[in-house]
Amino acid sequence: MELIKQILSDAAKITSIDRRNDYNEPKENFEDASMILKSNFDIELKPSDIIKVLISLKLSREKYKHKYDNLLDTIGYIAILHELLENENDVK
């Protein structure tokens, strides 16, 4: 149970104030990534789709070799995905 509390606490830290100060709000950050994909590769992905790709990457890395960072980032991306999907649903 302590490990679960620790990883959830660490995930909350990396998706909260520090990362947002360093990289902007996730919504704006992933909207920028979406525009870059469109302009450079003519690929259209919603911000929530980009996060799903990043989750897939982290799970692929975890399949190859276990690292705490893979799981931590996956949990963080899932939290951000939830936030973005909630905002998308509020807009509709």
C-alpha atoms as a PDB file:
ATOM      1  CA  MET A   1       0.000   0.000   0.000  1.00  0.00           C
ATOM      2  CA  GLU A   2       2.877   2.386   0.715  1.00  0.00           C
ATOM      3  CA  LEU A   3       4.246   1.911  -2.808  1.00  0.00           C
ATOM      4  CA  ILE A   4       0.847   2.734  -4.281  1.00  0.00           C
ATOM      5  CA  LYS A   5       0.627   5.887  -2.175  1.00  0.00           C
ATOM      6  CA  GLN A   6       4.175   6.860  -3.195  1.00  0.00           C
ATOM      7  CA  ILE A   7       3.662   6.424  -6.941  1.00  0.00           C
ATOM      8  CA  LEU A   8       0.347   8.290  -6.843  1.00  0.00           C
ATOM      9  CA  SER A   9       1.950  11.072  -4.839  1.00  0.00           C
ATOM     10  CA  ASP A  10       4.891  11.259  -7.258  1.00  0.00           C
ATOM     11  CA  ALA A  11       2.539  11.280 -10.252  1.00  0.00           C
ATOM     12  CA  ALA A  12       0.540  14.115  -8.716  1.00  0.00           C
ATOM     13  CA  LYS A  13       3.735  16.108  -8.222  1.00  0.00           C
ATOM     14  CA  ILE A  14       4.907  15.734 -11.822  1.00  0.00           C
ATOM     15  CA  THR A  15       1.548  16.702 -13.290  1.00  0.00           C
ATOM     16  CA  SER A  16       0.923  19.656 -11.027  1.00  0.00           C
ATOM     17  CA  ILE A  17       2.497  23.036 -10.510  1.00  0.00           C
ATOM     18  CA  ASP A  18       6.136  22.315 -11.424  1.00  0.00           C
ATOM     19  CA  ARG A  19       5.412  20.814 -14.827  1.00  0.00           C
ATOM     20  CA  ARG A  20       2.753  23.375 -15.570  1.00  0.00           C
ATOM     21  CA  ASN A  21       5.212  26.165 -14.739  1.00  0.00           C
ATOM     22  CA  ASP A  22       7.882  24.550 -16.912  1.00  0.00           C
ATOM     23  CA  TYR A  23       5.715  23.538 -19.886  1.00  0.00           C
ATOM     24  CA  ASN A  24       2.448  25.497 -19.675  1.00  0.00           C
ATOM     25  CA  GLU A  25      -0.971  24.000 -19.029  1.00  0.00           C
ATOM     26  CA  PRO A  26      -1.364  20.504 -20.519  1.00  0.00           C
ATOM     27  CA  LYS A  27      -4.272  21.560 -22.741  1.00  0.00           C
ATOM     28  CA  GLU A  28      -2.258  24.333 -24.371  1.00  0.00           C
ATOM     29  CA  ASN A  29       0.893  22.219 -24.484  1.00  0.00           C
ATOM     30  CA  PHE A  30      -0.807  19.351 -26.297  1.00  0.00           C
ATOM     31  CA  GLU A  31      -2.697  21.743 -28.586  1.00  0.00           C
ATOM     32  CA  ASP A  32       0.719  23.120 -29.602  1.00  0.00           C
ATOM     33  CA  ALA A  33       1.950  19.573 -30.229  1.00  0.00           C
ATOM     34  CA  SER A  34      -1.131  18.933 -32.344  1.00  0.00           C
ATOM     35  CA  MET A  35      -0.420  22.011 -34.468  1.00  0.00           C
ATOM     36  CA  ILE A  36       3.220  20.976 -34.895  1.00  0.00           C
ATOM     37  CA  LEU A  37       2.172  17.493 -36.068  1.00  0.00           C
ATOM     38  CA  LYS A  38      -0.263  19.057 -38.533  1.00  0.00           C
ATOM     39  CA  SER A  39       2.234  21.550 -39.951  1.00  0.00           C
ATOM     40  CA  ASN A  40       5.202  19.175 -40.138  1.00  0.00           C
ATOM     41  CA  PHE A  41       3.615  15.828 -40.972  1.00  0.00           C
ATOM     42  CA  ASP A  42       0.044  16.625 -42.031  1.00  0.00           C
ATOM     43  CA  ILE A  43      -1.197  14.441 -39.164  1.00  0.00           C
ATOM     44  CA  GLU A  44      -4.271  15.585 -37.279  1.00  0.00           C
ATOM     45  CA  LEU A  45      -4.500  14.360 -33.702  1.00  0.00           C
ATOM     46  CA  LYS A  46      -6.487  15.823 -30.845  1.00  0.00           C
ATOM     47  CA  PRO A  47      -4.506  16.585 -27.684  1.00  0.00           C
ATOM     48  CA  SER A  48      -6.157  13.596 -25.988  1.00  0.00           C
ATOM     49  CA  ASP A  49      -4.995  11.348 -28.856  1.00  0.00           C
ATOM     50  CA  ILE A  50      -1.416  12.560 -28.445  1.00  0.00           C
ATOM     51  CA  ILE A  51      -1.522  11.630 -24.773  1.00  0.00           C
ATOM     52  CA  LYS A  52      -2.802   8.159 -25.722  1.00  0.00           C
ATOM     53  CA  VAL A  53       0.228   7.775 -27.995  1.00  0.00           C
ATOM     54  CA  LEU A  54       2.541   8.791 -25.143  1.00  0.00           C
ATOM     55  CA  ILE A  55       0.835   6.294 -22.826  1.00  0.00           C
ATOM     56  CA  SER A  56       1.397   3.619 -25.485  1.00  0.00           C
ATOM     57  CA  LEU A  57       5.072   4.570 -25.691  1.00  0.00           C
ATOM     58  CA  LYS A  58       5.527   4.313 -21.932  1.00  0.00           C
ATOM     59  CA  LEU A  59       3.767   0.917 -21.852  1.00  0.00           C
ATOM     60  CA  SER A  60       5.935  -0.263 -24.743  1.00  0.00           C
ATOM     61  CA  ARG A  61       9.052   0.742 -22.817  1.00  0.00           C
ATOM     62  CA  GLU A  62       7.732  -0.989 -19.710  1.00  0.00           C
ATOM     63  CA  LYS A  63       7.184  -4.158 -21.721  1.00  0.00           C
ATOM     64  CA  TYR A  64      10.846  -4.075 -22.702  1.00  0.00           C
ATOM     65  CA  LYS A  65      12.227  -3.188 -19.287  1.00  0.00           C
ATOM     66  CA  HIS A  66      10.566  -2.268 -16.010  1.00  0.00           C
ATOM     67  CA  LYS A  67      11.361   1.183 -14.716  1.00  0.00           C
ATOM     68  CA  TYR A  68       9.554   3.177 -12.079  1.00  0.00           C
ATOM     69  CA  ASP A  69       9.609   6.166 -14.441  1.00  0.00           C
ATOM     70  CA  ASN A  70       7.557   4.290 -17.059  1.00  0.00           C
ATOM     71  CA  LEU A  71       4.764   3.627 -14.584  1.00  0.00           C
ATOM     72  CA  LEU A  72       4.992   7.061 -13.027  1.00  0.00           C
ATOM     73  CA  ASP A  73       4.717   8.831 -16.374  1.00  0.00           C
ATOM     74  CA  THR A  74       1.871   6.536 -17.464  1.00  0.00           C
ATOM     75  CA  ILE A  75      -0.128   7.438 -14.366  1.00  0.00           C
ATOM     76  CA  GLY A  76       0.629  11.124 -14.927  1.00  0.00           C
ATOM     77  CA  TYR A  77      -0.470  10.934 -18.570  1.00  0.00           C
ATOM     78  CA  ILE A  78      -3.669   9.135 -17.557  1.00  0.00           C
ATOM     79  CA  ALA A  79      -4.455  11.923 -15.089  1.00  0.00           C
ATOM     80  CA  ILE A  80      -3.860  14.563 -17.775  1.00  0.00           C
ATOM     81  CA  LEU A  81      -5.935  12.551 -20.266  1.00  0.00           C
ATOM     82  CA  HIS A  82      -8.812  12.522 -17.795  1.00  0.00           C
ATOM     83  CA  GLU A  83      -8.494  16.285 -17.359  1.00  0.00           C
ATOM     84  CA  LEU A  84      -8.506  16.903 -21.114  1.00  0.00           C
ATOM     85  CA  LEU A  85     -11.439  14.568 -21.752  1.00  0.00           C
ATOM     86  CA  GLU A  86     -13.437  16.246 -18.986  1.00  0.00           C
ATOM     87  CA  ASN A  87     -12.752  19.619 -20.633  1.00  0.00           C
ATOM     88  CA  GLU A  88     -13.688  18.273 -24.078  1.00  0.00           C
ATOM     89  CA  ASN A  89     -16.971  16.983 -22.667  1.00  0.00           C
ATOM     90  CA  ASP A  90     -17.665  20.352 -21.002  1.00  0.00           C
ATOM     91  CA  VAL A  91     -17.315  22.058 -24.386  1.00  0.00           C
ATOM     92  CA  LYS A  92     -19.773  19.747 -26.182  1.00  0.00           C
END
